[in-house]
C-alpha cells in the first residue's frame, strides 16, 4: 500500500475513534451500561484514552509493516494526544455544549 494512503487511514481512524465515546451511550460502543442511565464523563475519558492507545498501536503496526519504525519520544505522544482531543471536540460539543 501507499504510505500516504496508510497515513490517511490512521487519521481517519483517529477521527472516528476520538468521536465515538461522545456519540455512543454504550461502553466501547458494544456493552450496554445498565448501572448508568447516561454514561458519565469519567467513563468517556477512559474510552478516549483507550481509543488513543488503539490508534497508536495500529499506526505503529502499519509503520513497522512498511519499513523501520522511528523511535518516538514523550513529546510525540503529548502532541498526538492533544491532536486526538482536538479530533474529539466536535462530538464533545454536540454531546455537552449544544443544548
PDB file of N, CA and C in Angstrom:
ATOM      1  N   UNK A   1       0.827  -1.190   0.000  1.00  0.00           N
ATOM      2  CA  UNK A   1       0.000   0.000   0.000  1.00  0.00           C
ATOM      3  C   UNK A   1       0.869   1.251   0.000  1.00  0.00           C
ATOM      4  N   UNK A   2       0.278   2.305  -0.436  1.00  0.00           N
ATOM      5  CA  UNK A   2       0.949   3.589  -0.471  1.00  0.00           C
ATOM      6  C   UNK A   2       1.067   4.146   0.957  1.00  0.00           C
ATOM      7  N   UNK A   3       2.195   4.749   1.281  1.00  0.00           N
ATOM      8  CA  UNK A   3       2.413   5.295   2.615  1.00  0.00           C
ATOM      9  C   UNK A   3       1.449   6.445   2.885  1.00  0.00           C
ATOM     10  N   UNK A   4       1.153   7.240   1.879  1.00  0.00           N
ATOM     11  CA  UNK A   4       0.209   8.334   2.048  1.00  0.00           C
ATOM     12  C   UNK A   4      -1.192   7.804   2.377  1.00  0.00           C
ATOM     13  N   UNK A   5      -1.585   6.734   1.716  1.00  0.00           N
ATOM     14  CA  UNK A   5      -2.888   6.134   1.991  1.00  0.00           C
ATOM     15  C   UNK A   5      -2.955   5.577   3.415  1.00  0.00           C
ATOM     16  N   UNK A   6      -1.877   4.977   3.871  1.00  0.00           N
ATOM     17  CA  UNK A   6      -1.836   4.465   5.245  1.00  0.00           C
ATOM     18  C   UNK A   6      -1.920   5.598   6.259  1.00  0.00           C
ATOM     19  N   UNK A   7      -1.276   6.713   5.947  1.00  0.00           N
ATOM     20  CA  UNK A   7      -1.347   7.878   6.847  1.00  0.00           C
ATOM     21  C   UNK A   7      -2.774   8.391   6.951  1.00  0.00           C
ATOM     22  N   UNK A   8      -3.463   8.492   5.816  1.00  0.00           N
ATOM     23  CA  UNK A   8      -4.853   8.948   5.836  1.00  0.00           C
ATOM     24  C   UNK A   8      -5.764   7.930   6.525  1.00  0.00           C
ATOM     25  N   UNK A   9      -5.425   6.668   6.426  1.00  0.00           N
ATOM     26  CA  UNK A   9      -6.194   5.637   7.121  1.00  0.00           C
ATOM     27  C   UNK A   9      -6.093   5.806   8.630  1.00  0.00           C
ATOM     28  N   UNK A  10      -4.908   6.065   9.132  1.00  0.00           N
ATOM     29  CA  UNK A  10      -4.717   6.269  10.572  1.00  0.00           C
ATOM     30  C   UNK A  10      -5.406   7.555  11.021  1.00  0.00           C
ATOM     31  N   UNK A  11      -5.345   8.610  10.237  1.00  0.00           N
ATOM     32  CA  UNK A  11      -6.007   9.866  10.590  1.00  0.00           C
ATOM     33  C   UNK A  11      -7.525   9.684  10.597  1.00  0.00           C
ATOM     34  N   UNK A  12      -8.060   8.990   9.608  1.00  0.00           N
ATOM     35  CA  UNK A  12      -9.498   8.725   9.580  1.00  0.00           C
ATOM     36  C   UNK A  12      -9.945   7.869  10.747  1.00  0.00           C
ATOM     37  N   UNK A  13      -9.152   6.854  11.069  1.00  0.00           N
ATOM     38  CA  UNK A  13      -9.457   6.005  12.222  1.00  0.00           C
ATOM     39  C   UNK A  13      -9.434   6.828  13.515  1.00  0.00           C
ATOM     40  N   UNK A  14      -8.477   7.737  13.623  1.00  0.00           N
ATOM     41  CA  UNK A  14      -8.395   8.601  14.805  1.00  0.00           C
ATOM     42  C   UNK A  14      -9.609   9.522  14.893  1.00  0.00           C
ATOM     43  N   UNK A  15     -10.055  10.061  13.777  1.00  0.00           N
ATOM     44  CA  UNK A  15     -11.239  10.925  13.789  1.00  0.00           C
ATOM     45  C   UNK A  15     -12.475  10.166  14.258  1.00  0.00           C
ATOM     46  N   UNK A  16     -12.652   8.959  13.766  1.00  0.00           N
ATOM     47  CA  UNK A  16     -13.829   8.173  14.139  1.00  0.00           C
ATOM     48  C   UNK A  16     -13.753   7.740  15.601  1.00  0.00           C
ATOM     49  N   UNK A  17     -12.611   7.208  16.014  1.00  0.00           N
ATOM     50  CA  UNK A  17     -12.497   6.690  17.374  1.00  0.00           C
ATOM     51  C   UNK A  17     -12.450   7.800  18.422  1.00  0.00           C
ATOM     52  N   UNK A  18     -11.995   8.989  18.057  1.00  0.00           N
ATOM     53  CA  UNK A  18     -11.997  10.093  19.018  1.00  0.00           C
ATOM     54  C   UNK A  18     -13.423  10.574  19.284  1.00  0.00           C
ATOM     55  N   UNK A  19     -14.288  10.480  18.297  1.00  0.00           N
ATOM     56  CA  UNK A  19     -15.667  10.936  18.454  1.00  0.00           C
ATOM     57  C   UNK A  19     -16.573   9.888  19.073  1.00  0.00           C
ATOM     58  N   UNK A  20     -16.213   8.639  18.953  1.00  0.00           N
ATOM     59  CA  UNK A  20     -17.085   7.545  19.379  1.00  0.00           C
ATOM     60  C   UNK A  20     -17.489   7.580  20.855  1.00  0.00           C
ATOM     61  N   UNK A  21     -16.614   7.900  21.810  1.00  0.00           N
ATOM     62  CA  UNK A  21     -17.071   7.925  23.205  1.00  0.00           C
ATOM     63  C   UNK A  21     -18.172   8.950  23.478  1.00  0.00           C
ATOM     64  N   UNK A  22     -18.208  10.017  22.712  1.00  0.00           N
ATOM     65  CA  UNK A  22     -19.178  11.072  22.945  1.00  0.00           C
ATOM     66  C   UNK A  22     -20.459  10.899  22.128  1.00  0.00           C
ATOM     67  N   UNK A  23     -20.437  10.021  21.161  1.00  0.00           N
ATOM     68  CA  UNK A  23     -21.618   9.804  20.335  1.00  0.00           C
ATOM     69  C   UNK A  23     -22.410   8.569  20.733  1.00  0.00           C
ATOM     70  N   UNK A  24     -21.807   7.668  21.489  1.00  0.00           N
ATOM     71  CA  UNK A  24     -22.453   6.420  21.864  1.00  0.00           C
ATOM     72  C   UNK A  24     -22.663   6.355  23.372  1.00  0.00           C
ATOM     73  N   UNK A  25     -23.796   5.826  23.782  1.00  0.00           N
ATOM     74  CA  UNK A  25     -24.077   5.622  25.198  1.00  0.00           C
ATOM     75  C   UNK A  25     -23.631   4.241  25.666  1.00  0.00           C
ATOM     76  N   UNK A  26     -23.091   3.443  24.777  1.00  0.00           N
ATOM     77  CA  UNK A  26     -22.612   2.110  25.135  1.00  0.00           C
ATOM     78  C   UNK A  26     -21.117   2.172  25.441  1.00  0.00           C
ATOM     79  N   UNK A  27     -20.679   1.329  26.353  1.00  0.00           N
ATOM     80  CA  UNK A  27     -19.259   1.275  26.719  1.00  0.00           C
ATOM     81  C   UNK A  27     -18.492   0.595  25.592  1.00  0.00           C
ATOM     82  N   UNK A  28     -17.530   1.278  25.033  1.00  0.00           N
ATOM     83  CA  UNK A  28     -16.773   0.852  23.850  1.00  0.00           C
ATOM     84  C   UNK A  28     -17.701   0.533  22.683  1.00  0.00           C
ATOM     85  N   UNK A  29     -18.831   1.218  22.625  1.00  0.00           N
ATOM     86  CA  UNK A  29     -19.823   1.096  21.561  1.00  0.00           C
ATOM     87  C   UNK A  29     -20.386  -0.315  21.433  1.00  0.00           C
ATOM     88  N   UNK A  30     -20.214  -1.148  22.463  1.00  0.00           N
ATOM     89  CA  UNK A  30     -20.692  -2.529  22.402  1.00  0.00           C
ATOM     90  C   UNK A  30     -21.541  -2.869  23.619  1.00  0.00           C
ATOM     91  N   UNK A  31     -21.020  -2.592  24.805  1.00  0.00           N
ATOM     92  CA  UNK A  31     -21.643  -3.054  26.040  1.00  0.00           C
ATOM     93  C   UNK A  31     -22.638  -2.025  26.576  1.00  0.00           C
ATOM     94  N   UNK A  32     -23.858  -2.466  26.821  1.00  0.00           N
ATOM     95  CA  UNK A  32     -24.864  -1.594  27.405  1.00  0.00           C
ATOM     96  C   UNK A  32     -24.597  -1.455  28.905  1.00  0.00           C
ATOM     97  N   UNK A  33     -24.720  -0.241  29.393  1.00  0.00           N
ATOM     98  CA  UNK A  33     -24.497   0.034  30.813  1.00  0.00           C
ATOM     99  C   UNK A  33     -25.840   0.187  31.504  1.00  0.00           C
ATOM    100  N   UNK A  34     -26.201  -0.788  32.278  1.00  0.00           N
ATOM    101  CA  UNK A  34     -27.478  -0.707  32.971  1.00  0.00           C
ATOM    102  C   UNK A  34     -27.355   0.039  34.298  1.00  0.00           C
ATOM    103  N   UNK A  35     -26.146   0.175  34.815  1.00  0.00           N
ATOM    104  CA  UNK A  35     -25.939   0.878  36.080  1.00  0.00           C
ATOM    105  C   UNK A  35     -26.086   2.388  35.914  1.00  0.00           C
ATOM    106  N   UNK A  36     -25.826   2.894  34.701  1.00  0.00           N
ATOM    107  CA  UNK A  36     -25.900   4.328  34.442  1.00  0.00           C
ATOM    108  C   UNK A  36     -26.941   4.596  33.359  1.00  0.00           C
ATOM    109  N   UNK A  37     -27.895   5.493  33.605  1.00  0.00           N
ATOM    110  CA  UNK A  37     -28.835   5.838  32.534  1.00  0.00           C
ATOM    111  C   UNK A  37     -28.140   6.621  31.411  1.00  0.00           C
ATOM    112  N   UNK A  38     -27.146   7.415  31.805  1.00  0.00           N
ATOM    113  CA  UNK A  38     -26.323   8.137  30.833  1.00  0.00           C
ATOM    114  C   UNK A  38     -24.866   7.921  31.216  1.00  0.00           C
ATOM    115  N   UNK A  39     -24.033   7.653  30.241  1.00  0.00           N
ATOM    116  CA  UNK A  39     -22.632   7.340  30.510  1.00  0.00           C
ATOM    117  C   UNK A  39     -21.937   8.545  31.142  1.00  0.00           C
ATOM    118  N   UNK A  40     -21.251   8.367  32.296  1.00  0.00           N
ATOM    119  CA  UNK A  40     -20.578   9.506  32.948  1.00  0.00           C
ATOM    120  C   UNK A  40     -19.315   9.926  32.185  1.00  0.00           C
ATOM    121  N   UNK A  41     -18.889  11.155  32.454  1.00  0.00           N
ATOM    122  CA  UNK A  41     -17.750  11.723  31.733  1.00  0.00           C
ATOM    123  C   UNK A  41     -16.470  10.957  32.012  1.00  0.00           C
ATOM    124  N   UNK A  42     -16.270  10.447  33.224  1.00  0.00           N
ATOM    125  CA  UNK A  42     -15.032   9.722  33.527  1.00  0.00           C
ATOM    126  C   UNK A  42     -14.948   8.433  32.720  1.00  0.00           C
ATOM    127  N   UNK A  43     -16.083   7.823  32.434  1.00  0.00           N
ATOM    128  CA  UNK A  43     -16.080   6.619  31.605  1.00  0.00           C
ATOM    129  C   UNK A  43     -15.786   6.973  30.143  1.00  0.00           C
ATOM    130  N   UNK A  44     -16.280   8.113  29.711  1.00  0.00           N
ATOM    131  CA  UNK A  44     -15.981   8.574  28.348  1.00  0.00           C
ATOM    132  C   UNK A  44     -14.488   8.880  28.198  1.00  0.00           C
ATOM    133  N   UNK A  45     -13.883   9.440  29.243  1.00  0.00           N
ATOM    134  CA  UNK A  45     -12.442   9.738  29.180  1.00  0.00           C
ATOM    135  C   UNK A  45     -11.602   8.458  29.176  1.00  0.00           C
ATOM    136  N   UNK A  46     -12.042   7.450  29.926  1.00  0.00           N
ATOM    137  CA  UNK A  46     -11.340   6.158  29.883  1.00  0.00           C
ATOM    138  C   UNK A  46     -11.408   5.570  28.476  1.00  0.00           C
ATOM    139  N   UNK A  47     -12.573   5.670  27.849  1.00  0.00           N
ATOM    140  CA  UNK A  47     -12.710   5.203  26.473  1.00  0.00           C
ATOM    141  C   UNK A  47     -11.810   5.993  25.532  1.00  0.00           C
ATOM    142  N   UNK A  48     -11.765   7.310  25.728  1.00  0.00           N
ATOM    143  CA  UNK A  48     -10.944   8.164  24.857  1.00  0.00           C
ATOM    144  C   UNK A  48      -9.472   7.775  24.945  1.00  0.00           C
ATOM    145  N   UNK A  49      -8.984   7.543  26.149  1.00  0.00           N
ATOM    146  CA  UNK A  49      -7.581   7.148  26.323  1.00  0.00           C
ATOM    147  C   UNK A  49      -7.336   5.764  25.724  1.00  0.00           C
ATOM    148  N   UNK A  50      -8.281   4.871  25.900  1.00  0.00           N
ATOM    149  CA  UNK A  50      -8.143   3.523  25.332  1.00  0.00           C
ATOM    150  C   UNK A  50      -8.117   3.573  23.811  1.00  0.00           C
ATOM    151  N   UNK A  51      -8.989   4.381  23.226  1.00  0.00           N
ATOM    152  CA  UNK A  51      -9.002   4.512  21.763  1.00  0.00           C
ATOM    153  C   UNK A  51      -7.720   5.175  21.252  1.00  0.00           C
ATOM    154  N   UNK A  52      -7.176   6.107  22.025  1.00  0.00           N
ATOM    155  CA  UNK A  52      -5.892   6.715  21.645  1.00  0.00           C
ATOM    156  C   UNK A  52      -4.797   5.645  21.583  1.00  0.00           C
ATOM    157  N   UNK A  53      -4.765   4.777  22.579  1.00  0.00           N
ATOM    158  CA  UNK A  53      -3.773   3.695  22.587  1.00  0.00           C
ATOM    159  C   UNK A  53      -3.988   2.749  21.412  1.00  0.00           C
ATOM    160  N   UNK A  54      -5.250   2.462  21.095  1.00  0.00           N
ATOM    161  CA  UNK A  54      -5.548   1.582  19.967  1.00  0.00           C
ATOM    162  C   UNK A  54      -5.083   2.191  18.648  1.00  0.00           C
ATOM    163  N   UNK A  55      -5.356   3.473  18.453  1.00  0.00           N
ATOM    164  CA  UNK A  55      -4.909   4.146  17.227  1.00  0.00           C
ATOM    165  C   UNK A  55      -3.386   4.173  17.160  1.00  0.00           C
ATOM    166  N   UNK A  56      -2.740   4.395  18.294  1.00  0.00           N
ATOM    167  CA  UNK A  56      -1.276   4.375  18.332  1.00  0.00           C
ATOM    168  C   UNK A  56      -0.716   3.012  17.964  1.00  0.00           C
ATOM    169  N   UNK A  57      -1.329   1.955  18.467  1.00  0.00           N
ATOM    170  CA  UNK A  57      -0.877   0.601  18.121  1.00  0.00           C
ATOM    171  C   UNK A  57      -1.089   0.293  16.639  1.00  0.00           C
ATOM    172  N   UNK A  58      -2.226   0.714  16.101  1.00  0.00           N
ATOM    173  CA  UNK A  58      -2.477   0.498  14.670  1.00  0.00           C
ATOM    174  C   UNK A  58      -1.467   1.280  13.837  1.00  0.00           C
ATOM    175  N   UNK A  59      -1.217   2.527  14.221  1.00  0.00           N
ATOM    176  CA  UNK A  59      -0.235   3.333  13.492  1.00  0.00           C
ATOM    177  C   UNK A  59       1.159   2.742  13.568  1.00  0.00           C
ATOM    178  N   UNK A  60       1.541   2.268  14.744  1.00  0.00           N
ATOM    179  CA  UNK A  60       2.862   1.648  14.887  1.00  0.00           C
ATOM    180  C   UNK A  60       2.957   0.362  14.070  1.00  0.00           C
ATOM    181  N   UNK A  61       1.887  -0.430  14.061  1.00  0.00           N
ATOM    182  CA  UNK A  61       1.891  -1.679  13.285  1.00  0.00           C
ATOM    183  C   UNK A  61       1.999  -1.398  11.787  1.00  0.00           C
ATOM    184  N   UNK A  62       1.272  -0.391  11.320  1.00  0.00           N
ATOM    185  CA  UNK A  62       1.358  -0.050   9.898  1.00  0.00           C
ATOM    186  C   UNK A  62       2.731   0.505   9.544  1.00  0.00           C
ATOM    187  N   UNK A  63       3.318   1.295  10.443  1.00  0.00           N
ATOM    188  CA  UNK A  63       4.649   1.840  10.207  1.00  0.00           C
ATOM    189  C   UNK A  63       5.695   0.725  10.201  1.00  0.00           C
ATOM    190  N   UNK A  64       5.567  -0.219  11.116  1.00  0.00           N
ATOM    191  CA  UNK A  64       6.517  -1.328  11.165  1.00  0.00           C
ATOM    192  C   UNK A  64       6.361  -2.245   9.954  1.00  0.00           C
ATOM    193  N   UNK A  65       5.148  -2.311   9.422  1.00  0.00           N
ATOM    194  CA  UNK A  65       4.897  -3.155   8.262  1.00  0.00           C
ATOM    195  C   UNK A  65       5.493  -2.561   6.985  1.00  0.00           C
ATOM    196  N   UNK A  66       5.532  -1.232   6.893  1.00  0.00           N
ATOM    197  CA  UNK A  66       6.044  -0.595   5.687  1.00  0.00           C
ATOM    198  C   UNK A  66       7.551  -0.376   5.708  1.00  0.00           C
ATOM    199  N   UNK A  67       8.166  -0.472   6.864  1.00  0.00           N
ATOM    200  CA  UNK A  67       9.609  -0.245   6.948  1.00  0.00           C
ATOM    201  C   UNK A  67      10.041  -0.208   8.393  1.00  0.00           C
ATOM    202  N   UNK A  68      11.142   0.448   8.643  1.00  0.00           N
ATOM    203  CA  UNK A  68      11.640   0.555  10.011  1.00  0.00           C
ATOM    204  C   UNK A  68      10.873   1.626  10.766  1.00  0.00           C
ATOM    205  N   UNK A  69      10.322   1.284  11.928  1.00  0.00           N
ATOM    206  CA  UNK A  69       9.616   2.312  12.710  1.00  0.00           C
ATOM    207  C   UNK A  69      10.602   3.285  13.349  1.00  0.00           C
ATOM    208  N   UNK A  70      10.205   4.545  13.411  1.00  0.00           N
ATOM    209  CA  UNK A  70      11.055   5.571  14.005  1.00  0.00           C
ATOM    210  C   UNK A  70      10.871   5.567  15.516  1.00  0.00           C
ATOM    211  N   UNK A  71      11.941   5.754  16.277  1.00  0.00           N
ATOM    212  CA  UNK A  71      11.783   5.863  17.738  1.00  0.00           C
ATOM    213  C   UNK A  71      11.110   7.197  18.069  1.00  0.00           C
ATOM    214  N   UNK A  72      10.179   7.176  19.028  1.00  0.00           N
ATOM    215  CA  UNK A  72       9.436   8.376  19.403  1.00  0.00           C
ATOM    216  C   UNK A  72       9.754   8.730  20.847  1.00  0.00           C
ATOM    217  N   UNK A  73       9.721  10.018  21.125  1.00  0.00           N
ATOM    218  CA  UNK A  73       9.952  10.485  22.491  1.00  0.00           C
ATOM    219  C   UNK A  73       8.617  10.896  23.114  1.00  0.00           C
ATOM    220  N   UNK A  74       8.657  11.343  24.344  1.00  0.00           N
ATOM    221  CA  UNK A  74       7.417  11.697  25.040  1.00  0.00           C
ATOM    222  C   UNK A  74       6.724  12.890  24.395  1.00  0.00           C
ATOM    223  N   UNK A  75       7.467  13.764  23.745  1.00  0.00           N
ATOM    224  CA  UNK A  75       6.864  14.919  23.094  1.00  0.00           C
ATOM    225  C   UNK A  75       5.923  14.482  21.973  1.00  0.00           C
ATOM    226  N   UNK A  76       6.297  13.436  21.262  1.00  0.00           N
ATOM    227  CA  UNK A  76       5.444  12.909  20.187  1.00  0.00           C
ATOM    228  C   UNK A  76       4.104  12.464  20.747  1.00  0.00           C
ATOM    229  N   UNK A  77       4.125  11.749  21.855  1.00  0.00           N
ATOM    230  CA  UNK A  77       2.892  11.238  22.437  1.00  0.00           C
ATOM    231  C   UNK A  77       2.028  12.356  23.020  1.00  0.00           C
ATOM    232  N   UNK A  78       2.646  13.373  23.571  1.00  0.00           N
ATOM    233  CA  UNK A  78       1.889  14.519  24.093  1.00  0.00           C
ATOM    234  C   UNK A  78       1.201  15.252  22.945  1.00  0.00           C
ATOM    235  N   UNK A  79       1.906  15.483  21.869  1.00  0.00           N
ATOM    236  CA  UNK A  79       1.336  16.199  20.727  1.00  0.00           C
ATOM    237  C   UNK A  79       0.229  15.378  20.074  1.00  0.00           C
ATOM    238  N   UNK A  80       0.438  14.087  19.893  1.00  0.00           N
ATOM    239  CA  UNK A  80      -0.596  13.265  19.259  1.00  0.00           C
ATOM    240  C   UNK A  80      -1.823  13.119  20.162  1.00  0.00           C
ATOM    241  N   UNK A  81      -1.635  13.076  21.474  1.00  0.00           N
ATOM    242  CA  UNK A  81      -2.798  13.020  22.361  1.00  0.00           C
ATOM    243  C   UNK A  81      -3.584  14.321  22.304  1.00  0.00           C
ATOM    244  N   UNK A  82      -2.887  15.445  22.246  1.00  0.00           N
ATOM    245  CA  UNK A  82      -3.579  16.729  22.096  1.00  0.00           C
ATOM    246  C   UNK A  82      -4.340  16.791  20.771  1.00  0.00           C
ATOM    247  N   UNK A  83      -3.749  16.262  19.721  1.00  0.00           N
ATOM    248  CA  UNK A  83      -4.429  16.215  18.430  1.00  0.00           C
ATOM    249  C   UNK A  83      -5.651  15.298  18.496  1.00  0.00           C
ATOM    250  N   UNK A  84      -5.553  14.203  19.234  1.00  0.00           N
ATOM    251  CA  UNK A  84      -6.670  13.285  19.410  1.00  0.00           C
ATOM    252  C   UNK A  84      -7.814  13.983  20.155  1.00  0.00           C
ATOM    253  N   UNK A  85      -7.483  14.798  21.141  1.00  0.00           N
ATOM    254  CA  UNK A  85      -8.505  15.559  21.868  1.00  0.00           C
ATOM    255  C   UNK A  85      -9.169  16.578  20.946  1.00  0.00           C
ATOM    256  N   UNK A  86      -8.393  17.195  20.069  1.00  0.00           N
ATOM    257  CA  UNK A  86      -8.965  18.134  19.101  1.00  0.00           C
ATOM    258  C   UNK A  86      -9.908  17.395  18.152  1.00  0.00           C
ATOM    259  N   UNK A  87      -9.564  16.186  17.756  1.00  0.00           N
ATOM    260  CA  UNK A  87     -10.445  15.386  16.912  1.00  0.00           C
ATOM    261  C   UNK A  87     -11.756  15.069  17.629  1.00  0.00           C
ATOM    262  N   UNK A  88     -11.720  14.941  18.956  1.00  0.00           N
ATOM    263  CA  UNK A  88     -12.914  14.603  19.726  1.00  0.00           C
ATOM    264  C   UNK A  88     -13.783  15.826  20.020  1.00  0.00           C
ATOM    265  N   UNK A  89     -13.283  17.018  19.784  1.00  0.00           N
ATOM    266  CA  UNK A  89     -14.009  18.225  20.178  1.00  0.00           C
ATOM    267  C   UNK A  89     -15.374  18.386  19.506  1.00  0.00           C
ATOM    268  N   UNK A  90     -15.544  18.114  18.208  1.00  0.00           N
ATOM    269  CA  UNK A  90     -16.892  18.267  17.630  1.00  0.00           C
ATOM    270  C   UNK A  90     -17.930  17.365  18.294  1.00  0.00           C
ATOM    271  N   UNK A  91     -17.580  16.134  18.584  1.00  0.00           N
ATOM    272  CA  UNK A  91     -18.528  15.231  19.248  1.00  0.00           C
ATOM    273  C   UNK A  91     -18.770  15.668  20.689  1.00  0.00           C
ATOM    274  N   UNK A  92     -17.738  16.156  21.373  1.00  0.00           N
ATOM    275  CA  UNK A  92     -17.897  16.689  22.728  1.00  0.00           C
ATOM    276  C   UNK A  92     -18.843  17.887  22.718  1.00  0.00           C
ATOM    277  N   UNK A  93     -18.667  18.757  21.741  1.00  0.00           N
ATOM    278  CA  UNK A  93     -19.535  19.919  21.616  1.00  0.00           C
ATOM    279  C   UNK A  93     -20.978  19.489  21.363  1.00  0.00           C
ATOM    280  N   UNK A  94     -21.158  18.516  20.516  1.00  0.00           N
ATOM    281  CA  UNK A  94     -22.501  18.017  20.224  1.00  0.00           C
ATOM    282  C   UNK A  94     -23.139  17.415  21.478  1.00  0.00           C
ATOM    283  N   UNK A  95     -22.358  16.683  22.277  1.00  0.00           N
ATOM    284  CA  UNK A  95     -22.894  15.993  23.449  1.00  0.00           C
ATOM    285  C   UNK A  95     -23.188  16.957  24.593  1.00  0.00           C
ATOM    286  N   UNK A  96     -22.268  17.858  24.901  1.00  0.00           N
ATOM    287  CA  UNK A  96     -22.381  18.645  26.134  1.00  0.00           C
ATOM    288  C   UNK A  96     -22.703  20.121  25.935  1.00  0.00           C
ATOM    289  N   UNK A  97     -22.282  20.718  24.857  1.00  0.00           N
ATOM    290  CA  UNK A  97     -22.451  22.166  24.712  1.00  0.00           C
ATOM    291  C   UNK A  97     -23.637  22.573  23.871  1.00  0.00           C
ATOM    292  N   UNK A  98     -24.114  21.689  22.997  1.00  0.00           N
ATOM    293  CA  UNK A  98     -25.252  22.016  22.153  1.00  0.00           C
ATOM    294  C   UNK A  98     -26.527  21.568  22.860  1.00  0.00           C
ATOM    295  N   UNK A  99     -27.240  22.487  23.425  1.00  0.00           N
ATOM    296  CA  UNK A  99     -28.484  22.176  24.150  1.00  0.00           C
ATOM    297  C   UNK A  99     -29.644  22.889  23.514  1.00  0.00           C
TER     298      UNK A  99
END
